[in-house]
Amino acid sequence: MQKQEGREEDLRDEATNSEREGRKEKPPPLVALNHVSRLCRNVKDSIDFYTKVLGFVLIDRPQALDFDGAWLFNYGVGIHLVQSKVEDQRLPSDPQHLDPQDNHISFQCEDMEAMEKKLKERNVRYMKKTLKAEDGTVMDQIFMNDPDGFMVEICNCENLKLVPADSLSKIKLPMDRHNPPVEIETHQNDHERERESESE
């Protein structure tokens, strides 16, 4: 536990130093996540999963793309499917393996019970976990794999408040219902105390 806390402290220090060194540097002109690209063994199977299980909608794909695939969209983000070549080594070797600490994409869910019921109805294999934060807040997580073994998480992560580290102190999050609440006041007070102690 102490090692983990030490690593987190080192990362915060590095982020703070980077922020100080790059104060005059403008942030990149990015506005949002556009899409996630997924290799797949069978485009049709993947379309069925992302549309019927996760509610994505199939959209037109530019004809200039001369390889097999599909584009889907919903929840403000796209999923771009690309047909893999035979025995593509980039695909997960075990499509049934589930490890919450592995690479995955995550979707915020407003009704976890309804989502779990849908997965059972479609015979989708999944893993369920519950995380209890220090303040007693509970977050539910459901992990599953798409047909090719790429992991997908469904969660009510918005239950947890965002507590910015030093490197995030000046980031202005848009007023969007999809952003968790941020404890800005507490964080600003901590910074004020640090400045006061430095000036003494």
N, C-alpha and C. Protein backbone atom coordinates (compact mmCIF):
# COMPACT_ATOMS: atom_id res chain seq x y z
N MET A 1 0.84 -1.21 0.00
CA MET A 1 0.00 0.00 0.00
C MET A 1 0.87 1.26 0.00
N GLN A 2 1.95 1.22 0.85
CA GLN A 2 2.84 2.38 0.93
C GLN A 2 3.56 2.61 -0.39
N LYS A 3 3.93 1.49 -1.07
CA LYS A 3 4.60 1.62 -2.37
C LYS A 3 3.68 2.28 -3.38
N GLN A 4 2.40 1.85 -3.37
CA GLN A 4 1.42 2.42 -4.30
C GLN A 4 1.25 3.91 -4.05
N GLU A 5 1.12 4.30 -2.76
CA GLU A 5 0.97 5.72 -2.42
C GLU A 5 2.20 6.51 -2.84
N GLY A 6 3.38 5.88 -2.69
CA GLY A 6 4.62 6.55 -3.09
C GLY A 6 4.67 6.80 -4.58
N ARG A 7 4.20 5.82 -5.36
CA ARG A 7 4.18 5.98 -6.82
C ARG A 7 3.24 7.10 -7.23
N GLU A 8 2.06 7.14 -6.59
CA GLU A 8 1.09 8.19 -6.90
C GLU A 8 1.65 9.57 -6.58
N GLU A 9 2.39 9.66 -5.46
CA GLU A 9 2.97 10.94 -5.07
C GLU A 9 4.03 11.37 -6.08
N ASP A 10 4.85 10.40 -6.55
CA ASP A 10 5.87 10.71 -7.56
C ASP A 10 5.23 11.20 -8.85
N LEU A 11 4.13 10.55 -9.26
CA LEU A 11 3.44 10.97 -10.48
C LEU A 11 2.88 12.38 -10.35
N ARG A 12 2.34 12.70 -9.16
CA ARG A 12 1.81 14.05 -8.93
C ARG A 12 2.94 15.08 -9.00
N ASP A 13 4.10 14.75 -8.40
CA ASP A 13 5.24 15.67 -8.43
C ASP A 13 5.70 15.91 -9.86
N GLU A 14 5.78 14.83 -10.65
CA GLU A 14 6.20 14.96 -12.05
C GLU A 14 5.21 15.83 -12.83
N ALA A 15 3.92 15.60 -12.59
CA ALA A 15 2.89 16.37 -13.29
C ALA A 15 2.96 17.84 -12.90
N THR A 16 3.20 18.11 -11.61
CA THR A 16 3.29 19.50 -11.14
C THR A 16 4.49 20.19 -11.78
N ASN A 17 5.64 19.50 -11.83
CA ASN A 17 6.84 20.08 -12.44
C ASN A 17 6.61 20.34 -13.92
N SER A 18 5.94 19.41 -14.60
CA SER A 18 5.65 19.59 -16.02
C SER A 18 4.75 20.79 -16.24
N GLU A 19 3.79 20.97 -15.32
CA GLU A 19 2.87 22.11 -15.44
C GLU A 19 3.63 23.42 -15.27
N ARG A 20 4.54 23.48 -14.28
CA ARG A 20 5.30 24.70 -14.05
C ARG A 20 6.20 25.03 -15.23
N GLU A 21 6.84 23.98 -15.80
CA GLU A 21 7.75 24.19 -16.92
C GLU A 21 7.00 24.61 -18.18
N GLY A 22 5.75 24.14 -18.32
CA GLY A 22 5.02 24.43 -19.54
C GLY A 22 3.87 25.39 -19.38
N ARG A 23 3.97 26.30 -18.40
CA ARG A 23 2.87 27.22 -18.14
C ARG A 23 2.54 28.09 -19.36
N LYS A 24 3.56 28.46 -20.15
CA LYS A 24 3.33 29.34 -21.28
C LYS A 24 2.90 28.56 -22.52
N GLU A 25 2.98 27.24 -22.43
CA GLU A 25 2.63 26.41 -23.58
C GLU A 25 1.11 26.28 -23.69
N LYS A 26 0.58 26.51 -24.88
CA LYS A 26 -0.86 26.41 -25.08
C LYS A 26 -1.29 24.94 -25.10
N PRO A 27 -2.46 24.65 -24.58
CA PRO A 27 -2.95 23.27 -24.61
C PRO A 27 -3.29 22.87 -26.04
N PRO A 28 -3.25 21.57 -26.36
CA PRO A 28 -3.58 21.14 -27.73
C PRO A 28 -5.03 21.48 -28.05
N PRO A 29 -5.33 21.80 -29.31
CA PRO A 29 -6.69 22.21 -29.70
C PRO A 29 -7.64 21.02 -29.87
N LEU A 30 -7.72 20.18 -28.85
CA LEU A 30 -8.60 19.02 -28.91
C LEU A 30 -9.94 19.34 -28.27
N VAL A 31 -11.00 18.71 -28.74
CA VAL A 31 -12.33 19.01 -28.19
C VAL A 31 -13.05 17.80 -27.63
N ALA A 32 -12.80 16.61 -28.16
CA ALA A 32 -13.54 15.44 -27.67
C ALA A 32 -12.92 14.15 -28.23
N LEU A 33 -13.26 13.04 -27.60
CA LEU A 33 -12.91 11.73 -28.14
C LEU A 33 -13.80 11.47 -29.34
N ASN A 34 -13.21 11.12 -30.50
CA ASN A 34 -14.00 10.92 -31.72
C ASN A 34 -14.44 9.47 -31.89
N HIS A 35 -13.48 8.55 -31.84
CA HIS A 35 -13.85 7.15 -32.02
C HIS A 35 -12.80 6.22 -31.44
N VAL A 36 -13.20 4.98 -31.25
CA VAL A 36 -12.30 3.91 -30.84
C VAL A 36 -12.29 2.89 -31.98
N SER A 37 -11.10 2.48 -32.41
CA SER A 37 -10.99 1.53 -33.51
C SER A 37 -10.75 0.13 -32.97
N ARG A 38 -11.44 -0.85 -33.56
CA ARG A 38 -11.33 -2.23 -33.11
C ARG A 38 -11.11 -3.18 -34.29
N LEU A 39 -10.06 -3.98 -34.20
CA LEU A 39 -9.87 -5.07 -35.15
C LEU A 39 -10.89 -6.15 -34.84
N CYS A 40 -11.39 -6.85 -35.84
CA CYS A 40 -12.34 -7.92 -35.56
C CYS A 40 -12.16 -9.08 -36.53
N ARG A 41 -12.43 -10.28 -36.04
CA ARG A 41 -12.32 -11.47 -36.87
C ARG A 41 -13.48 -11.56 -37.86
N ASN A 42 -14.64 -11.04 -37.45
CA ASN A 42 -15.82 -11.08 -38.29
C ASN A 42 -16.61 -9.80 -38.08
N VAL A 43 -16.64 -8.94 -39.09
CA VAL A 43 -17.29 -7.63 -38.96
C VAL A 43 -18.76 -7.76 -38.57
N LYS A 44 -19.46 -8.72 -39.17
CA LYS A 44 -20.90 -8.89 -38.89
C LYS A 44 -21.14 -9.24 -37.42
N ASP A 45 -20.33 -10.16 -36.88
CA ASP A 45 -20.48 -10.54 -35.47
C ASP A 45 -20.26 -9.34 -34.55
N SER A 46 -19.27 -8.52 -34.89
CA SER A 46 -18.97 -7.35 -34.07
C SER A 46 -20.08 -6.30 -34.18
N ILE A 47 -20.62 -6.13 -35.39
CA ILE A 47 -21.75 -5.20 -35.56
C ILE A 47 -22.92 -5.64 -34.69
N ASP A 48 -23.21 -6.94 -34.69
CA ASP A 48 -24.31 -7.47 -33.87
C ASP A 48 -24.09 -7.16 -32.39
N PHE A 49 -22.87 -7.34 -31.92
CA PHE A 49 -22.58 -7.10 -30.50
C PHE A 49 -22.75 -5.62 -30.15
N TYR A 50 -22.11 -4.75 -30.92
CA TYR A 50 -22.13 -3.32 -30.57
C TYR A 50 -23.50 -2.67 -30.79
N THR A 51 -24.29 -3.22 -31.70
CA THR A 51 -25.63 -2.65 -31.92
C THR A 51 -26.66 -3.26 -30.98
N LYS A 52 -26.68 -4.58 -30.86
CA LYS A 52 -27.72 -5.25 -30.09
C LYS A 52 -27.45 -5.29 -28.59
N VAL A 53 -26.19 -5.33 -28.20
CA VAL A 53 -25.85 -5.37 -26.77
C VAL A 53 -25.60 -3.97 -26.21
N LEU A 54 -24.86 -3.15 -26.96
CA LEU A 54 -24.48 -1.84 -26.45
C LEU A 54 -25.27 -0.68 -27.05
N GLY A 55 -26.12 -0.95 -28.03
CA GLY A 55 -27.01 0.10 -28.54
C GLY A 55 -26.41 1.05 -29.54
N PHE A 56 -25.28 0.68 -30.17
CA PHE A 56 -24.70 1.55 -31.20
C PHE A 56 -25.52 1.46 -32.49
N VAL A 57 -25.35 2.47 -33.33
CA VAL A 57 -26.09 2.54 -34.59
C VAL A 57 -25.10 2.48 -35.75
N LEU A 58 -25.39 1.65 -36.74
CA LEU A 58 -24.54 1.54 -37.92
C LEU A 58 -24.70 2.80 -38.77
N ILE A 59 -23.59 3.42 -39.15
CA ILE A 59 -23.64 4.64 -39.95
C ILE A 59 -22.85 4.45 -41.25
N ASP A 60 -23.06 5.37 -42.21
CA ASP A 60 -22.35 5.29 -43.48
C ASP A 60 -20.85 5.42 -43.26
N ARG A 61 -20.12 4.70 -44.09
CA ARG A 61 -18.66 4.70 -44.04
C ARG A 61 -18.14 5.16 -45.39
N PRO A 62 -17.11 6.04 -45.41
CA PRO A 62 -16.60 6.54 -46.69
C PRO A 62 -16.21 5.41 -47.64
N GLN A 63 -16.67 5.49 -48.88
CA GLN A 63 -16.36 4.45 -49.86
C GLN A 63 -14.88 4.45 -50.24
N ALA A 64 -14.21 5.55 -49.94
CA ALA A 64 -12.78 5.64 -50.25
C ALA A 64 -11.95 4.65 -49.42
N LEU A 65 -12.51 4.18 -48.32
CA LEU A 65 -11.81 3.18 -47.51
C LEU A 65 -11.92 1.83 -48.22
N ASP A 66 -10.78 1.34 -48.71
CA ASP A 66 -10.79 0.15 -49.56
C ASP A 66 -10.53 -1.14 -48.79
N PHE A 67 -10.93 -1.19 -47.52
CA PHE A 67 -10.79 -2.42 -46.75
C PHE A 67 -12.11 -2.67 -46.01
N ASP A 68 -12.34 -3.91 -45.65
CA ASP A 68 -13.61 -4.29 -45.04
C ASP A 68 -13.70 -3.76 -43.61
N GLY A 69 -14.85 -3.22 -43.27
CA GLY A 69 -15.05 -2.69 -41.93
C GLY A 69 -16.42 -2.08 -41.78
N ALA A 70 -16.63 -1.37 -40.68
CA ALA A 70 -17.93 -0.72 -40.43
C ALA A 70 -17.74 0.39 -39.42
N TRP A 71 -18.59 1.41 -39.52
CA TRP A 71 -18.59 2.50 -38.55
C TRP A 71 -19.91 2.49 -37.78
N LEU A 72 -19.80 2.67 -36.48
CA LEU A 72 -20.98 2.75 -35.62
C LEU A 72 -20.87 3.99 -34.75
N PHE A 73 -22.02 4.46 -34.27
CA PHE A 73 -21.99 5.69 -33.46
C PHE A 73 -23.12 5.69 -32.43
N ASN A 74 -22.82 6.22 -31.25
CA ASN A 74 -23.80 6.53 -30.21
C ASN A 74 -23.06 7.09 -29.00
N TYR A 75 -23.82 7.72 -28.11
CA TYR A 75 -23.27 8.26 -26.86
C TYR A 75 -22.15 9.26 -27.09
N GLY A 76 -22.15 9.91 -28.26
CA GLY A 76 -21.14 10.92 -28.55
C GLY A 76 -19.80 10.37 -28.98
N VAL A 77 -19.72 9.08 -29.26
CA VAL A 77 -18.44 8.49 -29.67
C VAL A 77 -18.68 7.43 -30.74
N GLY A 78 -17.68 7.23 -31.60
CA GLY A 78 -17.79 6.24 -32.66
C GLY A 78 -17.00 4.98 -32.36
N ILE A 79 -17.43 3.87 -32.94
CA ILE A 79 -16.67 2.62 -32.92
C ILE A 79 -16.38 2.29 -34.38
N HIS A 80 -15.11 2.20 -34.73
CA HIS A 80 -14.72 1.87 -36.10
C HIS A 80 -14.19 0.43 -36.12
N LEU A 81 -14.89 -0.43 -36.82
CA LEU A 81 -14.50 -1.83 -36.91
C LEU A 81 -13.66 -2.06 -38.16
N VAL A 82 -12.60 -2.84 -38.02
CA VAL A 82 -11.71 -3.15 -39.14
C VAL A 82 -11.54 -4.66 -39.21
N GLN A 83 -11.85 -5.23 -40.36
CA GLN A 83 -11.69 -6.67 -40.55
C GLN A 83 -10.21 -7.03 -40.48
N SER A 84 -9.88 -7.96 -39.60
CA SER A 84 -8.48 -8.36 -39.43
C SER A 84 -8.07 -9.35 -40.52
N LYS A 85 -6.78 -9.48 -40.67
CA LYS A 85 -6.26 -10.48 -41.60
C LYS A 85 -6.25 -11.83 -40.89
N VAL A 86 -6.09 -12.88 -41.63
CA VAL A 86 -6.11 -14.23 -41.05
C VAL A 86 -5.01 -14.35 -40.00
N GLU A 87 -5.40 -14.86 -38.81
CA GLU A 87 -4.46 -15.08 -37.70
C GLU A 87 -3.68 -13.82 -37.36
N ASP A 88 -4.37 -12.70 -37.29
CA ASP A 88 -3.73 -11.43 -36.93
C ASP A 88 -3.27 -11.49 -35.48
N GLN A 89 -1.97 -11.28 -35.26
CA GLN A 89 -1.39 -11.39 -33.92
C GLN A 89 -1.82 -10.27 -32.98
N ARG A 90 -2.45 -9.23 -33.53
CA ARG A 90 -2.86 -8.10 -32.69
C ARG A 90 -4.17 -8.37 -31.95
N LEU A 91 -4.88 -9.41 -32.34
CA LEU A 91 -6.12 -9.76 -31.67
C LEU A 91 -5.84 -10.52 -30.37
N PRO A 92 -6.67 -10.36 -29.35
CA PRO A 92 -6.48 -11.11 -28.10
C PRO A 92 -6.44 -12.61 -28.38
N SER A 93 -5.49 -13.30 -27.75
CA SER A 93 -5.34 -14.73 -28.00
C SER A 93 -6.46 -15.54 -27.36
N ASP A 94 -7.03 -15.03 -26.25
CA ASP A 94 -8.11 -15.74 -25.56
C ASP A 94 -9.32 -14.81 -25.42
N PRO A 95 -10.29 -14.90 -26.33
CA PRO A 95 -11.46 -14.01 -26.30
C PRO A 95 -12.31 -14.14 -25.04
N GLN A 96 -12.13 -15.22 -24.28
CA GLN A 96 -12.93 -15.45 -23.08
C GLN A 96 -12.28 -14.87 -21.81
N HIS A 97 -11.02 -14.49 -21.90
CA HIS A 97 -10.29 -14.01 -20.72
C HIS A 97 -10.79 -12.64 -20.28
N LEU A 98 -11.11 -12.50 -19.00
CA LEU A 98 -11.57 -11.22 -18.45
C LEU A 98 -10.66 -10.80 -17.30
N ASP A 99 -10.06 -9.63 -17.43
CA ASP A 99 -9.21 -9.08 -16.37
C ASP A 99 -9.49 -7.59 -16.28
N PRO A 100 -10.18 -7.12 -15.22
CA PRO A 100 -10.53 -5.70 -15.09
C PRO A 100 -9.35 -4.74 -15.17
N GLN A 101 -8.13 -5.26 -14.93
CA GLN A 101 -6.95 -4.40 -14.99
C GLN A 101 -6.35 -4.34 -16.39
N ASP A 102 -6.97 -5.02 -17.34
CA ASP A 102 -6.47 -5.02 -18.71
C ASP A 102 -7.04 -3.83 -19.48
N ASN A 103 -6.54 -3.59 -20.70
CA ASN A 103 -7.04 -2.49 -21.54
C ASN A 103 -8.54 -2.66 -21.79
N HIS A 104 -9.28 -1.57 -21.72
CA HIS A 104 -10.71 -1.64 -22.01
C HIS A 104 -11.27 -0.25 -22.26
N ILE A 105 -12.47 -0.21 -22.85
CA ILE A 105 -13.21 1.04 -22.95
C ILE A 105 -14.38 0.93 -21.98
N SER A 106 -14.85 2.08 -21.49
CA SER A 106 -15.89 2.06 -20.46
C SER A 106 -17.04 3.00 -20.83
N PHE A 107 -18.26 2.55 -20.53
CA PHE A 107 -19.46 3.35 -20.79
C PHE A 107 -20.19 3.62 -19.48
N GLN A 108 -20.56 4.88 -19.29
CA GLN A 108 -21.37 5.26 -18.14
C GLN A 108 -22.79 4.73 -18.32
N CYS A 109 -23.37 4.18 -17.25
CA CYS A 109 -24.71 3.59 -17.31
C CYS A 109 -25.62 4.21 -16.25
N GLU A 110 -26.85 4.50 -16.64
CA GLU A 110 -27.82 5.10 -15.72
C GLU A 110 -28.64 4.07 -14.96
N ASP A 111 -28.65 2.83 -15.42
CA ASP A 111 -29.43 1.78 -14.75
C ASP A 111 -28.67 0.45 -14.88
N MET A 112 -27.86 0.15 -13.88
CA MET A 112 -27.02 -1.04 -13.93
C MET A 112 -27.85 -2.33 -13.90
N GLU A 113 -28.94 -2.32 -13.16
CA GLU A 113 -29.79 -3.52 -13.08
C GLU A 113 -30.39 -3.85 -14.45
N ALA A 114 -30.87 -2.82 -15.14
CA ALA A 114 -31.44 -3.03 -16.47
C ALA A 114 -30.39 -3.54 -17.45
N MET A 115 -29.15 -3.01 -17.32
CA MET A 115 -28.08 -3.45 -18.21
C MET A 115 -27.72 -4.90 -17.94
N GLU A 116 -27.65 -5.26 -16.66
CA GLU A 116 -27.32 -6.65 -16.31
C GLU A 116 -28.41 -7.61 -16.81
N LYS A 117 -29.65 -7.19 -16.72
CA LYS A 117 -30.77 -8.01 -17.21
C LYS A 117 -30.64 -8.23 -18.72
N LYS A 118 -30.26 -7.17 -19.44
CA LYS A 118 -30.09 -7.26 -20.90
C LYS A 118 -28.99 -8.25 -21.26
N LEU A 119 -27.89 -8.22 -20.50
CA LEU A 119 -26.77 -9.13 -20.76
C LEU A 119 -27.19 -10.57 -20.53
N LYS A 120 -27.96 -10.80 -19.48
CA LYS A 120 -28.44 -12.16 -19.19
C LYS A 120 -29.36 -12.66 -20.30
N GLU A 121 -30.24 -11.78 -20.77
CA GLU A 121 -31.17 -12.16 -21.83
C GLU A 121 -30.44 -12.54 -23.11
N ARG A 122 -29.30 -11.91 -23.36
CA ARG A 122 -28.53 -12.18 -24.58
C ARG A 122 -27.40 -13.18 -24.33
N ASN A 123 -27.39 -13.77 -23.13
CA ASN A 123 -26.38 -14.78 -22.78
C ASN A 123 -24.95 -14.27 -22.95
N VAL A 124 -24.75 -13.02 -22.56
CA VAL A 124 -23.40 -12.43 -22.62
C VAL A 124 -22.69 -12.73 -21.30
N ARG A 125 -21.53 -13.32 -21.40
CA ARG A 125 -20.74 -13.64 -20.21
C ARG A 125 -20.12 -12.35 -19.68
N TYR A 126 -20.22 -12.14 -18.35
CA TYR A 126 -19.69 -10.91 -17.77
C TYR A 126 -19.19 -11.13 -16.35
N MET A 127 -18.44 -10.17 -15.87
CA MET A 127 -17.93 -10.16 -14.49
C MET A 127 -18.45 -8.90 -13.81
N LYS A 128 -18.94 -9.04 -12.59
CA LYS A 128 -19.49 -7.89 -11.87
C LYS A 128 -18.65 -7.59 -10.65
N LYS A 129 -18.35 -6.31 -10.44
CA LYS A 129 -17.57 -5.89 -9.28
C LYS A 129 -18.22 -4.64 -8.67
N THR A 130 -18.02 -4.48 -7.36
CA THR A 130 -18.51 -3.29 -6.66
C THR A 130 -17.36 -2.66 -5.90
N LEU A 131 -17.18 -1.37 -6.11
CA LEU A 131 -16.11 -0.63 -5.44
C LEU A 131 -16.71 0.35 -4.45
N LYS A 132 -16.21 0.31 -3.21
CA LYS A 132 -16.68 1.25 -2.20
C LYS A 132 -15.56 2.23 -1.88
N ALA A 133 -15.80 3.51 -2.16
CA ALA A 133 -14.79 4.54 -1.94
C ALA A 133 -14.68 4.88 -0.46
N GLU A 134 -13.63 5.66 -0.13
CA GLU A 134 -13.38 6.01 1.26
C GLU A 134 -14.53 6.77 1.90
N ASP A 135 -15.26 7.54 1.10
CA ASP A 135 -16.38 8.32 1.65
C ASP A 135 -17.69 7.54 1.68
N GLY A 136 -17.62 6.25 1.33
CA GLY A 136 -18.81 5.41 1.38
C GLY A 136 -19.55 5.31 0.06
N THR A 137 -19.13 6.10 -0.94
CA THR A 137 -19.78 6.05 -2.25
C THR A 137 -19.54 4.70 -2.91
N VAL A 138 -20.59 4.15 -3.48
CA VAL A 138 -20.50 2.83 -4.12
C VAL A 138 -20.53 2.98 -5.65
N MET A 139 -19.62 2.28 -6.32
CA MET A 139 -19.58 2.27 -7.78
C MET A 139 -19.67 0.82 -8.26
N ASP A 140 -20.59 0.56 -9.16
CA ASP A 140 -20.76 -0.78 -9.72
C ASP A 140 -20.10 -0.86 -11.09
N GLN A 141 -19.50 -2.01 -11.37
CA GLN A 141 -18.81 -2.23 -12.64
C GLN A 141 -19.22 -3.58 -13.23
N ILE A 142 -19.41 -3.61 -14.53
CA ILE A 142 -19.64 -4.86 -15.25
C ILE A 142 -18.62 -4.93 -16.37
N PHE A 143 -17.90 -6.04 -16.44
CA PHE A 143 -16.89 -6.23 -17.48
C PHE A 143 -17.31 -7.38 -18.40
N MET A 144 -17.13 -7.18 -19.69
CA MET A 144 -17.45 -8.22 -20.68
C MET A 144 -16.48 -8.08 -21.85
N ASN A 145 -16.46 -9.06 -22.70
CA ASN A 145 -15.65 -9.00 -23.91
C ASN A 145 -16.53 -8.89 -25.15
N ASP A 146 -16.03 -8.19 -26.16
CA ASP A 146 -16.73 -8.21 -27.44
C ASP A 146 -16.37 -9.55 -28.11
N PRO A 147 -16.89 -9.85 -29.30
CA PRO A 147 -16.64 -11.16 -29.91
C PRO A 147 -15.17 -11.49 -30.13
N ASP A 148 -14.30 -10.48 -30.13
CA ASP A 148 -12.88 -10.73 -30.38
C ASP A 148 -12.04 -10.69 -29.11
N GLY A 149 -12.67 -10.51 -27.96
CA GLY A 149 -11.92 -10.51 -26.72
C GLY A 149 -11.47 -9.15 -26.25
N PHE A 150 -11.91 -8.07 -26.91
CA PHE A 150 -11.60 -6.73 -26.43
C PHE A 150 -12.59 -6.39 -25.32
N MET A 151 -12.06 -5.99 -24.18
CA MET A 151 -12.91 -5.81 -23.00
C MET A 151 -13.68 -4.49 -23.03
N VAL A 152 -14.91 -4.57 -22.53
CA VAL A 152 -15.79 -3.41 -22.41
C VAL A 152 -16.29 -3.35 -20.97
N GLU A 153 -16.28 -2.16 -20.39
CA GLU A 153 -16.80 -1.97 -19.04
C GLU A 153 -18.08 -1.14 -19.09
N ILE A 154 -19.04 -1.51 -18.25
CA ILE A 154 -20.25 -0.71 -18.03
C ILE A 154 -20.21 -0.31 -16.56
N CYS A 155 -20.38 0.97 -16.26
CA CYS A 155 -20.27 1.38 -14.86
C CYS A 155 -21.14 2.59 -14.55
N ASN A 156 -21.32 2.83 -13.27
CA ASN A 156 -21.92 4.09 -12.82
C ASN A 156 -20.83 4.93 -12.16
N CYS A 157 -19.74 5.12 -12.91
CA CYS A 157 -18.55 5.81 -12.40
C CYS A 157 -18.83 7.25 -12.00
N GLU A 158 -19.92 7.84 -12.51
CA GLU A 158 -20.24 9.22 -12.15
C GLU A 158 -20.62 9.35 -10.68
N ASN A 159 -20.82 8.22 -10.01
CA ASN A 159 -21.09 8.27 -8.56
C ASN A 159 -19.90 8.84 -7.80
N LEU A 160 -18.71 8.65 -8.36
CA LEU A 160 -17.49 9.11 -7.70
C LEU A 160 -17.16 10.54 -8.11
N LYS A 161 -16.77 11.34 -7.15
CA LYS A 161 -16.39 12.72 -7.44
C LYS A 161 -14.97 12.76 -7.99
N LEU A 162 -14.74 13.68 -8.92
CA LEU A 162 -13.39 13.91 -9.43
C LEU A 162 -12.67 14.83 -8.46
N VAL A 163 -11.52 14.39 -7.97
CA VAL A 163 -10.71 15.23 -7.10
C VAL A 163 -9.42 15.52 -7.85
N PRO A 164 -9.29 16.71 -8.46
CA PRO A 164 -8.13 17.00 -9.31
C PRO A 164 -6.81 16.94 -8.55
N ALA A 165 -5.81 16.34 -9.18
CA ALA A 165 -4.45 16.40 -8.67
C ALA A 165 -3.88 17.75 -9.07
N ASP A 166 -2.65 18.06 -8.63
CA ASP A 166 -2.06 19.36 -8.92
C ASP A 166 -2.05 19.66 -10.42
N SER A 167 -1.78 18.63 -11.22
CA SER A 167 -1.67 18.85 -12.66
C SER A 167 -3.00 19.20 -13.30
N LEU A 168 -4.11 18.93 -12.59
CA LEU A 168 -5.43 19.20 -13.15
C LEU A 168 -6.05 20.47 -12.59
N SER A 169 -5.30 21.18 -11.76
CA SER A 169 -5.89 22.30 -11.03
C SER A 169 -6.43 23.39 -11.94
N LYS A 170 -5.87 23.54 -13.14
CA LYS A 170 -6.30 24.64 -14.00
C LYS A 170 -7.16 24.17 -15.18
N ILE A 171 -7.47 22.88 -15.20
CA ILE A 171 -8.32 22.38 -16.27
C ILE A 171 -9.76 22.75 -15.99
N LYS A 172 -10.42 23.35 -16.97
CA LYS A 172 -11.82 23.73 -16.81
C LYS A 172 -12.70 22.70 -17.52
N LEU A 173 -13.39 21.89 -16.74
CA LEU A 173 -14.27 20.89 -17.33
C LEU A 173 -15.55 21.55 -17.79
N PRO A 174 -16.08 21.18 -18.96
CA PRO A 174 -17.34 21.76 -19.43
C PRO A 174 -18.49 21.35 -18.51
N MET A 175 -19.50 22.21 -18.44
CA MET A 175 -20.67 21.90 -17.63
C MET A 175 -21.51 20.88 -18.39
N ASP A 176 -21.20 19.63 -18.21
CA ASP A 176 -21.84 18.56 -18.95
C ASP A 176 -22.34 17.51 -17.96
N ARG A 177 -23.53 17.01 -18.17
CA ARG A 177 -24.08 16.05 -17.22
C ARG A 177 -23.28 14.74 -17.22
N HIS A 178 -22.45 14.54 -18.24
CA HIS A 178 -21.66 13.33 -18.30
C HIS A 178 -20.34 13.46 -17.54
N ASN A 179 -20.08 14.62 -16.95
CA ASN A 179 -18.89 14.78 -16.13
C ASN A 179 -19.25 14.61 -14.67
N PRO A 180 -18.47 13.81 -13.92
CA PRO A 180 -18.74 13.66 -12.50
C PRO A 180 -18.54 14.99 -11.78
N PRO A 181 -19.14 15.18 -10.59
CA PRO A 181 -18.91 16.42 -9.84
C PRO A 181 -17.45 16.55 -9.43
N VAL A 182 -16.96 17.77 -9.40
CA VAL A 182 -15.55 18.01 -9.09
C VAL A 182 -15.43 18.81 -7.80
N GLU A 183 -14.59 18.34 -6.89
CA GLU A 183 -14.39 19.04 -5.64
C GLU A 183 -13.33 20.13 -5.83
N ILE A 184 -13.74 21.24 -6.43
CA ILE A 184 -12.80 22.32 -6.73
C ILE A 184 -12.46 23.13 -5.49
N GLU A 185 -13.46 23.44 -4.65
CA GLU A 185 -13.24 24.32 -3.50
C GLU A 185 -12.19 23.76 -2.57
N THR A 186 -12.31 22.48 -2.23
CA THR A 186 -11.35 21.85 -1.33
C THR A 186 -9.96 21.91 -1.92
N HIS A 187 -9.86 21.64 -3.22
CA HIS A 187 -8.57 21.62 -3.89
C HIS A 187 -7.96 23.02 -3.90
N GLN A 188 -8.75 24.05 -4.16
CA GLN A 188 -8.24 25.41 -4.18
C GLN A 188 -7.78 25.84 -2.80
N ASN A 189 -8.49 25.43 -1.77
CA ASN A 189 -8.08 25.76 -0.41
C ASN A 189 -6.74 25.13 -0.08
N ASP A 190 -6.53 23.90 -0.55
CA ASP A 190 -5.25 23.23 -0.33
C ASP A 190 -4.12 24.01 -0.98
N HIS A 191 -4.36 24.52 -2.19
CA HIS A 191 -3.35 25.31 -2.89
C HIS A 191 -3.06 26.61 -2.15
N GLU A 192 -4.09 27.24 -1.62
CA GLU A 192 -3.90 28.48 -0.88
C GLU A 192 -3.05 28.25 0.36
N ARG A 193 -3.29 27.12 1.04
CA ARG A 193 -2.50 26.80 2.22
C ARG A 193 -1.04 26.57 1.83
N GLU A 194 -0.82 25.90 0.69
CA GLU A 194 0.55 25.66 0.24
C GLU A 194 1.27 26.98 -0.05
N ARG A 195 0.57 27.91 -0.72
CA ARG A 195 1.19 29.20 -1.03
C ARG A 195 1.53 29.96 0.25
N GLU A 196 0.62 29.91 1.23
CA GLU A 196 0.85 30.61 2.49
C GLU A 196 2.06 30.04 3.21
N SER A 197 2.19 28.70 3.22
CA SER A 197 3.32 28.08 3.90
C SER A 197 4.63 28.37 3.18
N GLU A 198 4.58 28.49 1.84
CA GLU A 198 5.79 28.80 1.07
C GLU A 198 6.26 30.23 1.32
N SER A 199 5.30 31.15 1.53
CA SER A 199 5.65 32.55 1.72
C SER A 199 6.16 32.84 3.13
N GLU A 200 5.87 31.93 4.08
CA GLU A 200 6.30 32.16 5.47
C GLU A 200 7.79 31.92 5.65
